[in-house]
Amino acid sequence: MEKHNLLTLENAKSILALVFALAITLAAFELSKNVEALRAWGYVGVFFIALISSATMFLPAPGFAIIFGMSAFLNPLGVGVLAGIGSSFGELTSYLVGYSGSGKIKRTKIYAQHKIALQKYGMPAIFVLSALPNPVLDLAGIAAGAMRMPVWKFLLATMAGKILKYLAIAYTGFYVGEYFL
């Protein structure tokens, strides 16, 4: 009888994680319609623009271009760090999808491929994928959630890679952004 209750609790956690991930994704799409208003918020806007653009799984959001533009008039170090942190928290949507659907996800071929890489390389793999602009991080996030990689490890590796990536974008925008704006 106790085992049945644990399964029910685990199912409830999975459902809540999936609902939360879907709510974040829907909110990100809704907020991305008003992303120009966030620009006026300065550094707080940088954080939320990055969070919103990363919370949309597999679908592009205008975050890179806006962060690039904002770094032309804000300190690029602050922009890069805050965008990296915000973007990292946005990536939790893919992690939560993997966590919530781990039973179904674990039966897919793509999960098996990512699981092998994550078991072998772990946090460094997440770091590299986070530092490069690509949609593969969403798949790795789903696999990390399904594998039950500790969320702090996923978040720390993602944050390190995202900060590095956004620092490159911010400094590029700082030095050449005025020519595009």
Protein backbone atom coordinates (compact mmCIF):
# COMPACT_ATOMS: atom_id res chain seq x y z
CA MET A 1 0.00 0.00 0.00
CA GLU A 2 2.87 2.41 0.81
CA LYS A 3 4.48 1.81 -2.58
CA HIS A 4 1.24 2.83 -4.31
CA ASN A 5 1.19 6.11 -2.37
CA LEU A 6 4.77 6.85 -3.43
CA LEU A 7 3.85 6.29 -7.05
CA THR A 8 0.92 8.63 -6.67
CA LEU A 9 3.15 11.27 -5.09
CA GLU A 10 5.72 10.85 -7.88
CA ASN A 11 2.99 11.16 -10.51
CA ALA A 12 1.68 14.30 -8.83
CA LYS A 13 5.19 15.83 -8.86
CA SER A 14 5.57 14.98 -12.53
CA ILE A 15 2.22 16.51 -13.44
CA LEU A 16 3.00 19.68 -11.46
CA ALA A 17 6.40 20.00 -13.13
CA LEU A 18 4.85 19.62 -16.58
CA VAL A 19 2.09 22.15 -15.84
CA PHE A 20 4.69 24.58 -14.50
CA ALA A 21 6.88 24.16 -17.61
CA LEU A 22 3.91 24.68 -19.93
CA ALA A 23 2.77 27.75 -17.98
CA ILE A 24 6.25 29.27 -18.24
CA THR A 25 6.38 28.59 -21.97
CA LEU A 26 2.95 30.15 -22.54
CA ALA A 27 3.87 33.15 -20.40
CA ALA A 28 7.11 33.54 -22.35
CA PHE A 29 5.24 33.69 -25.64
CA GLU A 30 2.78 36.20 -24.24
CA LEU A 31 5.52 38.40 -22.78
CA SER A 32 7.62 38.20 -25.95
CA LYS A 33 4.89 40.24 -27.64
CA ASN A 34 5.77 43.12 -25.29
CA VAL A 35 9.52 42.67 -25.18
CA GLU A 36 10.14 46.26 -26.30
CA ALA A 37 8.55 47.50 -23.08
CA LEU A 38 11.08 45.45 -21.09
CA ARG A 39 13.88 47.36 -22.80
CA ALA A 40 12.97 50.43 -20.77
CA TRP A 41 13.59 48.44 -17.59
CA GLY A 42 17.36 48.39 -18.20
CA TYR A 43 19.17 45.56 -16.42
CA VAL A 44 15.96 44.10 -15.00
CA GLY A 45 14.65 44.01 -18.56
CA VAL A 46 17.82 42.23 -19.69
CA PHE A 47 17.22 39.50 -17.10
CA PHE A 48 13.58 39.00 -18.08
CA ILE A 49 14.19 39.18 -21.84
CA ALA A 50 16.82 36.43 -21.52
CA LEU A 51 14.57 34.36 -19.24
CA ILE A 52 11.63 34.66 -21.62
CA SER A 53 13.61 33.87 -24.75
CA SER A 54 15.12 30.76 -23.15
CA ALA A 55 11.85 29.51 -21.69
CA THR A 56 10.42 28.90 -25.16
CA MET A 57 11.57 25.41 -26.04
CA PHE A 58 12.78 24.83 -29.61
CA LEU A 59 11.13 28.04 -30.83
CA PRO A 60 13.17 31.18 -31.39
CA ALA A 61 12.45 34.29 -29.39
CA PRO A 62 13.99 37.73 -30.07
CA GLY A 63 16.29 37.68 -27.03
CA PHE A 64 19.71 37.67 -28.75
CA ALA A 65 18.98 40.69 -30.91
CA ILE A 66 17.51 42.72 -28.07
CA ILE A 67 20.35 41.87 -25.67
CA PHE A 68 22.83 42.77 -28.42
CA GLY A 69 21.10 46.12 -28.87
CA MET A 70 20.77 46.86 -25.16
CA SER A 71 24.48 46.32 -24.62
CA ALA A 72 25.17 49.34 -26.85
CA PHE A 73 23.90 51.62 -24.06
CA LEU A 74 24.30 49.50 -20.89
CA ASN A 75 27.44 48.08 -19.29
CA PRO A 76 28.22 44.91 -21.27
CA LEU A 77 29.53 43.06 -18.21
CA GLY A 78 26.24 43.60 -16.36
CA VAL A 79 24.24 42.75 -19.48
CA GLY A 80 26.16 39.52 -20.08
CA VAL A 81 25.97 38.29 -16.51
CA LEU A 82 22.28 39.15 -15.99
CA ALA A 83 21.29 37.75 -19.39
CA GLY A 84 23.20 34.54 -18.62
CA ILE A 85 21.50 34.13 -15.26
CA GLY A 86 18.04 34.89 -16.66
CA SER A 87 18.56 32.58 -19.61
CA SER A 88 19.65 29.78 -17.27
CA PHE A 89 16.44 29.98 -15.29
CA GLY A 90 14.50 29.96 -18.57
CA GLU A 91 16.17 26.66 -19.49
CA LEU A 92 14.52 25.04 -16.49
CA THR A 93 11.40 24.58 -18.64
CA SER A 94 13.11 21.86 -20.67
CA TYR A 95 14.51 20.28 -17.50
CA LEU A 96 11.02 20.21 -15.97
CA VAL A 97 9.50 18.68 -19.10
CA GLY A 98 12.06 15.88 -18.85
CA TYR A 99 11.45 15.48 -15.14
CA SER A 100 7.70 15.32 -15.59
CA GLY A 101 7.65 12.92 -18.51
CA SER A 102 10.59 10.76 -17.60
CA GLY A 103 8.78 7.46 -18.20
CA LYS A 104 7.79 8.25 -21.77
CA ILE A 105 10.95 10.17 -22.58
CA LYS A 106 13.21 7.34 -21.42
CA ARG A 107 11.78 5.14 -24.19
CA THR A 108 12.92 7.43 -27.02
CA LYS A 109 16.04 7.05 -29.12
CA ILE A 110 17.04 10.69 -28.73
CA TYR A 111 16.93 10.32 -24.93
CA ALA A 112 19.22 7.30 -25.12
CA GLN A 113 21.75 9.32 -27.14
CA HIS A 114 21.70 12.27 -24.76
CA LYS A 115 21.75 10.03 -21.69
CA ILE A 116 25.01 8.40 -22.80
CA ALA A 117 26.63 11.81 -23.31
CA LEU A 118 25.31 13.17 -20.02
CA GLN A 119 26.41 10.10 -18.09
CA LYS A 120 29.87 10.32 -19.62
CA TYR A 121 30.40 14.10 -19.55
CA GLY A 122 27.69 15.42 -17.18
CA MET A 123 28.05 19.07 -16.27
CA PRO A 124 30.78 19.82 -18.85
CA ALA A 125 28.40 18.68 -21.61
CA ILE A 126 25.67 20.99 -20.33
CA PHE A 127 28.23 23.82 -20.07
CA VAL A 128 29.39 23.43 -23.68
CA LEU A 129 25.85 23.18 -25.02
CA SER A 130 24.88 26.27 -23.01
CA ALA A 131 27.80 28.29 -24.34
CA LEU A 132 26.86 27.62 -27.96
CA PRO A 133 23.72 29.02 -29.62
CA ASN A 134 21.81 25.86 -30.53
CA PRO A 135 18.50 24.12 -29.80
CA VAL A 136 20.28 20.95 -28.63
CA LEU A 137 20.44 22.34 -25.09
CA ASP A 138 16.65 21.92 -24.88
CA LEU A 139 17.03 18.22 -25.67
CA ALA A 140 19.88 17.87 -23.18
CA GLY A 141 17.77 19.67 -20.57
CA ILE A 142 14.91 17.25 -21.16
CA ALA A 143 17.32 14.32 -20.83
CA ALA A 144 18.88 15.80 -17.67
CA GLY A 145 15.45 16.15 -16.10
CA ALA A 146 14.45 12.63 -17.09
CA MET A 147 17.71 11.29 -15.66
CA ARG A 148 17.02 13.21 -12.46
CA MET A 149 20.32 15.07 -12.70
CA PRO A 150 20.33 17.30 -9.61
CA VAL A 151 18.74 20.59 -10.63
CA TRP A 152 21.55 22.60 -9.04
CA LYS A 153 24.11 20.83 -11.24
CA PHE A 154 22.04 21.48 -14.36
CA LEU A 155 21.49 25.11 -13.39
CA LEU A 156 25.14 25.75 -12.44
CA ALA A 157 26.53 24.29 -15.68
CA THR A 158 23.87 26.07 -17.74
CA MET A 159 24.55 29.36 -15.99
CA ALA A 160 28.31 29.19 -16.56
CA GLY A 161 27.84 28.49 -20.28
CA LYS A 162 25.08 31.04 -20.75
CA ILE A 163 27.03 33.81 -19.00
CA LEU A 164 29.99 33.13 -21.27
CA LYS A 165 27.76 33.22 -24.37
CA TYR A 166 25.94 36.38 -23.35
CA LEU A 167 29.18 38.14 -22.41
CA ALA A 168 30.36 37.54 -25.99
CA ILE A 169 27.06 38.88 -27.36
CA ALA A 170 27.07 41.87 -24.99
CA TYR A 171 30.64 42.91 -25.72
CA THR A 172 30.08 42.51 -29.45
CA GLY A 173 26.97 44.68 -29.14
CA PHE A 174 28.87 47.21 -27.04
CA TYR A 175 31.63 47.63 -29.62
CA VAL A 176 29.70 47.29 -32.89
CA GLY A 177 26.05 47.68 -31.86
CA GLU A 178 25.92 51.38 -32.69
CA TYR A 179 26.49 50.54 -36.36
CA PHE A 180 23.35 48.39 -36.40
CA LEU A 181 21.06 50.58 -34.31
